């Protein structure tokens, strides 16, 4: 096979593993996987006939669920932990976006102030007026 025609591994979120393979990869019973799907802990993709298909991401999530339950955490607690982990990941991503935007705005402001200083080097420094409650 040429590199152009060689098969590539599916992406981490592509649902490709049938339930028996997912069970083997995670060490969990297929019925446990069905239960986790039913209560919303892990939501695998579906094949055309309705069969569950698990992605690498789903497999890692199932392993995390297995670790948490083995540590004595109940399924509702596991579900809440996973929800909070998702929220933390989303907030971290948003924080990174805002930091990048802030840096862009700061650079634009610095450029504008620099341009003004070049055109009018003798302008006095502007001081913001104090809030009315400070008067």
N, C-alpha and C. Protein backbone atom coordinates (compact mmCIF):
# COMPACT_ATOMS: atom_id res chain seq x y z
N UNK A 1 0.83 -1.18 0.00
CA UNK A 1 0.00 0.00 0.00
C UNK A 1 0.87 1.25 0.00
N UNK A 2 0.46 2.22 -0.73
CA UNK A 2 1.18 3.48 -0.72
C UNK A 2 0.69 4.30 0.46
N UNK A 3 1.49 5.27 0.92
CA UNK A 3 1.06 6.10 2.06
C UNK A 3 -0.29 6.77 1.80
N UNK A 4 -0.57 7.06 0.56
CA UNK A 4 -1.83 7.72 0.23
C UNK A 4 -3.02 6.80 0.49
N UNK A 5 -2.85 5.51 0.26
CA UNK A 5 -3.94 4.56 0.40
C UNK A 5 -3.93 3.81 1.73
N UNK A 6 -2.95 4.08 2.59
CA UNK A 6 -2.86 3.33 3.83
C UNK A 6 -4.00 3.74 4.77
N UNK A 7 -4.53 2.76 5.50
CA UNK A 7 -5.64 3.08 6.40
C UNK A 7 -5.13 3.93 7.56
N UNK A 8 -5.98 4.83 8.02
CA UNK A 8 -5.64 5.68 9.15
C UNK A 8 -6.51 5.28 10.33
N UNK A 9 -5.97 5.48 11.50
CA UNK A 9 -6.74 5.21 12.71
C UNK A 9 -7.87 6.24 12.80
N UNK A 10 -9.02 5.81 13.28
CA UNK A 10 -10.12 6.76 13.42
C UNK A 10 -9.81 7.80 14.50
N UNK A 11 -10.44 8.93 14.40
CA UNK A 11 -10.26 9.97 15.41
C UNK A 11 -10.80 9.50 16.75
N UNK A 12 -10.44 10.19 17.83
CA UNK A 12 -10.83 9.74 19.17
C UNK A 12 -12.33 9.78 19.44
N UNK A 13 -13.09 10.49 18.64
CA UNK A 13 -14.53 10.57 18.88
C UNK A 13 -15.36 9.83 17.83
N UNK A 14 -14.69 9.06 16.98
CA UNK A 14 -15.40 8.30 15.96
C UNK A 14 -15.87 6.98 16.57
N UNK A 15 -17.18 6.74 16.58
CA UNK A 15 -17.70 5.52 17.21
C UNK A 15 -17.49 4.30 16.30
N UNK A 16 -16.56 3.44 16.68
CA UNK A 16 -16.23 2.30 15.84
C UNK A 16 -16.28 0.95 16.56
N UNK A 17 -16.22 0.94 17.90
CA UNK A 17 -16.13 -0.31 18.65
C UNK A 17 -17.50 -0.81 19.07
N UNK A 18 -17.79 -2.07 18.73
CA UNK A 18 -19.05 -2.67 19.16
C UNK A 18 -18.98 -2.91 20.67
N UNK A 19 -20.12 -3.18 21.26
CA UNK A 19 -20.20 -3.29 22.72
C UNK A 19 -19.30 -4.38 23.29
N UNK A 20 -19.16 -5.51 22.57
CA UNK A 20 -18.31 -6.59 23.09
C UNK A 20 -16.85 -6.16 23.13
N UNK A 21 -16.40 -5.41 22.15
CA UNK A 21 -15.02 -4.93 22.14
C UNK A 21 -14.83 -3.87 23.22
N UNK A 22 -15.80 -2.97 23.35
CA UNK A 22 -15.72 -1.95 24.40
C UNK A 22 -15.67 -2.60 25.77
N UNK A 23 -16.46 -3.64 25.97
CA UNK A 23 -16.46 -4.35 27.26
C UNK A 23 -15.09 -4.97 27.51
N UNK A 24 -14.52 -5.57 26.50
CA UNK A 24 -13.21 -6.19 26.66
C UNK A 24 -12.13 -5.15 26.93
N UNK A 25 -12.18 -4.02 26.24
CA UNK A 25 -11.18 -2.98 26.42
C UNK A 25 -11.26 -2.31 27.79
N UNK A 26 -12.44 -2.29 28.37
CA UNK A 26 -12.62 -1.62 29.66
C UNK A 26 -12.66 -2.58 30.84
N UNK A 27 -12.83 -3.86 30.57
CA UNK A 27 -12.95 -4.83 31.65
C UNK A 27 -14.33 -4.81 32.31
N UNK A 28 -15.29 -4.21 31.65
CA UNK A 28 -16.66 -4.13 32.18
C UNK A 28 -17.56 -5.10 31.42
N UNK A 29 -18.61 -5.52 32.05
CA UNK A 29 -19.58 -6.43 31.42
C UNK A 29 -20.44 -5.63 30.44
N UNK A 30 -20.82 -6.23 29.29
CA UNK A 30 -21.68 -5.51 28.34
C UNK A 30 -22.97 -4.97 28.98
N UNK A 31 -23.53 -5.70 29.93
CA UNK A 31 -24.75 -5.21 30.58
C UNK A 31 -24.46 -3.94 31.39
N UNK A 32 -23.27 -3.86 31.96
CA UNK A 32 -22.87 -2.64 32.68
C UNK A 32 -22.80 -1.46 31.71
N UNK A 33 -22.26 -1.71 30.52
CA UNK A 33 -22.18 -0.65 29.51
C UNK A 33 -23.58 -0.19 29.11
N UNK A 34 -24.50 -1.13 28.97
CA UNK A 34 -25.88 -0.77 28.64
C UNK A 34 -26.50 0.08 29.75
N UNK A 35 -26.23 -0.30 31.00
CA UNK A 35 -26.74 0.47 32.13
C UNK A 35 -26.17 1.88 32.12
N UNK A 36 -24.88 1.99 31.91
CA UNK A 36 -24.25 3.32 31.87
C UNK A 36 -24.83 4.17 30.74
N UNK A 37 -25.15 3.55 29.62
CA UNK A 37 -25.79 4.27 28.52
C UNK A 37 -27.18 4.71 28.94
N UNK A 38 -27.93 3.81 29.55
CA UNK A 38 -29.31 4.09 29.94
C UNK A 38 -29.40 5.27 30.93
N UNK A 39 -28.46 5.32 31.88
CA UNK A 39 -28.52 6.41 32.86
C UNK A 39 -27.76 7.66 32.43
N UNK A 40 -27.15 7.61 31.25
CA UNK A 40 -26.52 8.80 30.69
C UNK A 40 -25.08 9.05 31.09
N UNK A 41 -24.40 8.07 31.64
CA UNK A 41 -22.99 8.25 31.98
C UNK A 41 -22.13 8.31 30.73
N UNK A 42 -22.39 7.42 29.81
CA UNK A 42 -21.68 7.35 28.54
C UNK A 42 -22.74 7.19 27.45
N UNK A 43 -22.62 7.99 26.40
CA UNK A 43 -23.60 7.93 25.32
C UNK A 43 -22.91 7.53 24.02
N UNK A 44 -22.85 6.23 23.75
CA UNK A 44 -22.18 5.79 22.52
C UNK A 44 -22.98 6.17 21.28
N UNK A 45 -22.29 6.13 20.15
CA UNK A 45 -22.99 6.34 18.89
C UNK A 45 -23.83 5.11 18.56
N UNK A 46 -24.58 5.21 17.50
CA UNK A 46 -25.43 4.08 17.08
C UNK A 46 -25.13 3.73 15.64
N UNK A 47 -25.13 2.43 15.39
CA UNK A 47 -24.97 1.93 14.02
C UNK A 47 -26.32 2.03 13.33
N UNK A 48 -26.33 1.77 12.05
CA UNK A 48 -27.57 1.83 11.29
C UNK A 48 -28.67 0.97 11.86
N UNK A 49 -28.34 -0.20 12.39
CA UNK A 49 -29.33 -1.10 12.97
C UNK A 49 -29.65 -0.80 14.42
N UNK A 50 -29.04 0.24 14.98
CA UNK A 50 -29.32 0.62 16.36
C UNK A 50 -28.32 0.12 17.37
N UNK A 51 -27.35 -0.69 16.93
CA UNK A 51 -26.34 -1.20 17.86
C UNK A 51 -25.42 -0.10 18.34
N UNK A 52 -24.95 -0.24 19.57
CA UNK A 52 -24.05 0.75 20.15
C UNK A 52 -22.67 0.67 19.52
N UNK A 53 -22.07 1.83 19.30
CA UNK A 53 -20.70 1.92 18.81
C UNK A 53 -19.96 2.91 19.70
N UNK A 54 -18.84 2.46 20.26
CA UNK A 54 -18.07 3.26 21.20
C UNK A 54 -16.83 3.82 20.53
N UNK A 55 -16.48 5.05 20.88
CA UNK A 55 -15.27 5.69 20.38
C UNK A 55 -14.14 5.51 21.40
N UNK A 56 -12.93 5.89 21.02
CA UNK A 56 -11.81 5.86 21.97
C UNK A 56 -12.11 6.77 23.16
N UNK A 57 -12.73 7.89 22.91
CA UNK A 57 -13.13 8.80 23.98
C UNK A 57 -14.10 8.11 24.93
N UNK A 58 -15.07 7.39 24.37
CA UNK A 58 -16.03 6.65 25.20
C UNK A 58 -15.31 5.59 26.05
N UNK A 59 -14.33 4.91 25.45
CA UNK A 59 -13.57 3.87 26.17
C UNK A 59 -12.84 4.49 27.36
N UNK A 60 -12.19 5.63 27.13
CA UNK A 60 -11.48 6.31 28.22
C UNK A 60 -12.47 6.75 29.30
N UNK A 61 -13.61 7.23 28.90
CA UNK A 61 -14.64 7.65 29.86
C UNK A 61 -15.14 6.46 30.67
N UNK A 62 -15.35 5.33 30.01
CA UNK A 62 -15.77 4.12 30.72
C UNK A 62 -14.70 3.67 31.72
N UNK A 63 -13.45 3.78 31.35
CA UNK A 63 -12.37 3.43 32.28
C UNK A 63 -12.38 4.35 33.50
N UNK A 64 -12.64 5.63 33.25
CA UNK A 64 -12.71 6.58 34.37
C UNK A 64 -13.89 6.25 35.28
N UNK A 65 -15.04 5.91 34.69
CA UNK A 65 -16.21 5.52 35.48
C UNK A 65 -15.87 4.28 36.31
N UNK A 66 -15.18 3.31 35.71
CA UNK A 66 -14.81 2.10 36.43
C UNK A 66 -13.89 2.41 37.61
N UNK A 67 -12.94 3.31 37.40
CA UNK A 67 -12.03 3.70 38.49
C UNK A 67 -12.80 4.37 39.63
N UNK A 68 -13.71 5.27 39.27
CA UNK A 68 -14.46 6.00 40.30
C UNK A 68 -15.38 5.06 41.08
N UNK A 69 -16.04 4.15 40.38
CA UNK A 69 -16.93 3.24 41.09
C UNK A 69 -16.13 2.25 41.94
N UNK A 70 -14.95 1.87 41.45
CA UNK A 70 -14.09 0.98 42.24
C UNK A 70 -13.60 1.68 43.51
N UNK A 71 -13.55 3.01 43.47
CA UNK A 71 -13.13 3.78 44.65
C UNK A 71 -14.29 3.99 45.62
N UNK A 72 -15.46 3.44 45.27
CA UNK A 72 -16.59 3.52 46.19
C UNK A 72 -17.56 4.65 45.90
N UNK A 73 -17.42 5.33 44.79
CA UNK A 73 -18.32 6.42 44.45
C UNK A 73 -19.54 5.86 43.72
N UNK A 74 -20.72 6.27 44.13
CA UNK A 74 -21.95 5.82 43.50
C UNK A 74 -22.12 6.41 42.11
N UNK A 75 -23.02 5.80 41.34
CA UNK A 75 -23.21 6.24 39.95
C UNK A 75 -23.67 7.69 39.83
N UNK A 76 -24.54 8.14 40.75
CA UNK A 76 -24.95 9.54 40.71
C UNK A 76 -23.77 10.47 40.99
N UNK A 77 -22.91 10.06 41.94
CA UNK A 77 -21.70 10.83 42.22
C UNK A 77 -20.76 10.85 41.03
N UNK A 78 -20.62 9.70 40.38
CA UNK A 78 -19.78 9.62 39.18
C UNK A 78 -20.33 10.54 38.10
N UNK A 79 -21.63 10.52 37.92
CA UNK A 79 -22.26 11.37 36.90
C UNK A 79 -21.98 12.84 37.19
N UNK A 80 -22.10 13.23 38.46
CA UNK A 80 -21.84 14.63 38.83
C UNK A 80 -20.38 14.99 38.63
N UNK A 81 -19.47 14.09 38.98
CA UNK A 81 -18.04 14.33 38.76
C UNK A 81 -17.75 14.55 37.28
N UNK A 82 -18.32 13.71 36.43
CA UNK A 82 -18.09 13.85 34.99
C UNK A 82 -18.66 15.17 34.47
N UNK A 83 -19.83 15.55 34.96
CA UNK A 83 -20.42 16.85 34.57
C UNK A 83 -19.50 17.99 34.97
N UNK A 84 -18.99 17.94 36.19
CA UNK A 84 -18.11 19.00 36.68
C UNK A 84 -16.80 19.03 35.89
N UNK A 85 -16.27 17.86 35.55
CA UNK A 85 -15.05 17.82 34.73
C UNK A 85 -15.30 18.46 33.37
N UNK A 86 -16.46 18.20 32.79
CA UNK A 86 -16.80 18.82 31.50
C UNK A 86 -16.92 20.33 31.64
N UNK A 87 -17.53 20.79 32.74
CA UNK A 87 -17.65 22.23 32.97
C UNK A 87 -16.27 22.87 33.13
N UNK A 88 -15.40 22.22 33.88
CA UNK A 88 -14.05 22.75 34.08
C UNK A 88 -13.32 22.85 32.74
N UNK A 89 -13.43 21.82 31.92
CA UNK A 89 -12.77 21.84 30.60
C UNK A 89 -13.31 22.98 29.74
N UNK A 90 -14.64 23.17 29.76
CA UNK A 90 -15.24 24.25 28.98
C UNK A 90 -14.78 25.62 29.49
N UNK A 91 -14.73 25.77 30.80
CA UNK A 91 -14.30 27.05 31.38
C UNK A 91 -12.83 27.32 31.09
N UNK A 92 -12.00 26.28 31.13
CA UNK A 92 -10.59 26.47 30.80
C UNK A 92 -10.43 26.91 29.35
N UNK A 93 -11.20 26.30 28.47
CA UNK A 93 -11.15 26.67 27.06
C UNK A 93 -11.60 28.12 26.87
N UNK A 94 -12.68 28.49 27.52
CA UNK A 94 -13.19 29.87 27.42
C UNK A 94 -12.19 30.86 28.00
N UNK A 95 -11.57 30.48 29.12
CA UNK A 95 -10.56 31.34 29.74
C UNK A 95 -9.39 31.57 28.78
N UNK A 96 -8.95 30.52 28.11
CA UNK A 96 -7.85 30.66 27.15
C UNK A 96 -8.26 31.59 26.00
N UNK A 97 -9.49 31.45 25.52
CA UNK A 97 -9.98 32.33 24.46
C UNK A 97 -9.98 33.79 24.92
N UNK A 98 -10.48 34.02 26.14
CA UNK A 98 -10.55 35.39 26.66
C UNK A 98 -9.16 35.97 26.90
N UNK A 99 -8.23 35.16 27.36
CA UNK A 99 -6.86 35.65 27.55
C UNK A 99 -6.24 36.04 26.21
N UNK A 100 -6.49 35.23 25.20
CA UNK A 100 -5.96 35.55 23.87
C UNK A 100 -6.58 36.84 23.35
N UNK A 101 -7.88 36.97 23.51
CA UNK A 101 -8.57 38.19 23.06
C UNK A 101 -8.07 39.40 23.83
N UNK A 102 -7.87 39.25 25.13
CA UNK A 102 -7.36 40.34 25.95
C UNK A 102 -5.98 40.78 25.47
N UNK A 103 -5.13 39.80 25.15
CA UNK A 103 -3.80 40.13 24.66
C UNK A 103 -3.87 40.86 23.32
N UNK A 104 -4.79 40.45 22.47
CA UNK A 104 -4.97 41.13 21.18
C UNK A 104 -5.44 42.57 21.38
N UNK A 105 -6.40 42.76 22.27
CA UNK A 105 -6.92 44.10 22.54
C UNK A 105 -5.85 44.99 23.19
N UNK A 106 -5.07 44.41 24.09
CA UNK A 106 -4.00 45.16 24.73
C UNK A 106 -2.96 45.61 23.69
N UNK A 107 -2.63 44.71 22.76
CA UNK A 107 -1.67 45.06 21.70
C UNK A 107 -2.24 46.16 20.81
N UNK A 108 -3.53 46.06 20.49
CA UNK A 108 -4.16 47.09 19.65
C UNK A 108 -4.17 48.44 20.38
N UNK A 109 -4.47 48.41 21.67
CA UNK A 109 -4.49 49.64 22.46
C UNK A 109 -3.09 50.25 22.53
N UNK A 110 -2.08 49.41 22.78
CA UNK A 110 -0.71 49.90 22.82
C UNK A 110 -0.31 50.52 21.49
N UNK A 111 -0.72 49.89 20.40
CA UNK A 111 -0.40 50.43 19.07
C UNK A 111 -1.10 51.78 18.86
N UNK A 112 -2.35 51.89 19.28
CA UNK A 112 -3.09 53.14 19.11
C UNK A 112 -2.48 54.25 19.96
N UNK A 113 -2.12 53.93 21.20
CA UNK A 113 -1.50 54.93 22.08
C UNK A 113 -0.14 55.35 21.50
N UNK A 114 0.61 54.39 21.02
CA UNK A 114 1.90 54.71 20.40
C UNK A 114 1.75 55.61 19.20
N UNK A 115 0.75 55.33 18.38
CA UNK A 115 0.51 56.17 17.20
C UNK A 115 0.11 57.59 17.61
N UNK A 116 -0.70 57.71 18.63
CA UNK A 116 -1.09 59.04 19.11
C UNK A 116 0.11 59.81 19.66
N UNK A 117 0.96 59.12 20.38
CA UNK A 117 2.15 59.78 20.94
C UNK A 117 3.08 60.27 19.84
N UNK A 118 3.17 59.52 18.76
CA UNK A 118 4.03 59.94 17.65
C UNK A 118 3.47 61.18 16.97
N UNK A 119 2.15 61.26 16.85
CA UNK A 119 1.53 62.41 16.18
C UNK A 119 1.49 63.63 17.08
N UNK A 120 1.29 63.42 18.37
CA UNK A 120 1.16 64.53 19.32
C UNK A 120 1.99 64.24 20.56
N UNK A 121 3.30 64.40 20.48
CA UNK A 121 4.14 64.04 21.61
C UNK A 121 3.95 64.93 22.84
N UNK A 122 3.34 66.11 22.70
CA UNK A 122 3.23 67.03 23.82
C UNK A 122 1.86 67.01 24.49
N UNK A 123 1.06 66.00 24.20
CA UNK A 123 -0.25 65.92 24.85
C UNK A 123 -0.06 65.61 26.33
N UNK A 124 -0.88 66.22 27.18
CA UNK A 124 -0.77 65.90 28.61
C UNK A 124 -1.32 64.50 28.88
N UNK A 125 -0.86 63.93 29.95
CA UNK A 125 -1.35 62.62 30.35
C UNK A 125 -2.79 62.76 30.82
N UNK A 126 -3.62 61.84 30.40
CA UNK A 126 -5.03 61.87 30.80
C UNK A 126 -5.21 61.04 32.05
N UNK A 127 -5.92 61.60 32.99
CA UNK A 127 -6.25 60.87 34.20
C UNK A 127 -7.74 60.64 34.21
N UNK A 128 -8.15 59.43 34.51
CA UNK A 128 -9.59 59.18 34.55
C UNK A 128 -10.21 59.93 35.73
N UNK A 129 -11.43 60.41 35.51
CA UNK A 129 -12.14 61.08 36.60
C UNK A 129 -12.49 60.06 37.65
N UNK A 130 -12.37 60.42 38.92
CA UNK A 130 -12.74 59.46 39.96
C UNK A 130 -14.24 59.23 39.95
N UNK A 131 -14.68 58.06 40.37
CA UNK A 131 -16.13 57.79 40.42
C UNK A 131 -16.82 58.79 41.33
N UNK A 132 -18.09 59.05 41.07
CA UNK A 132 -18.85 60.06 41.81
C UNK A 132 -18.90 59.75 43.31
N UNK A 133 -18.85 58.51 43.68
CA UNK A 133 -18.92 58.16 45.08
C UNK A 133 -17.66 58.52 45.85
N UNK A 134 -16.56 58.81 45.13
CA UNK A 134 -15.32 59.18 45.79
C UNK A 134 -15.24 60.68 46.05
N UNK A 135 -16.14 61.45 45.48
CA UNK A 135 -16.10 62.91 45.64
C UNK A 135 -16.65 63.36 46.97
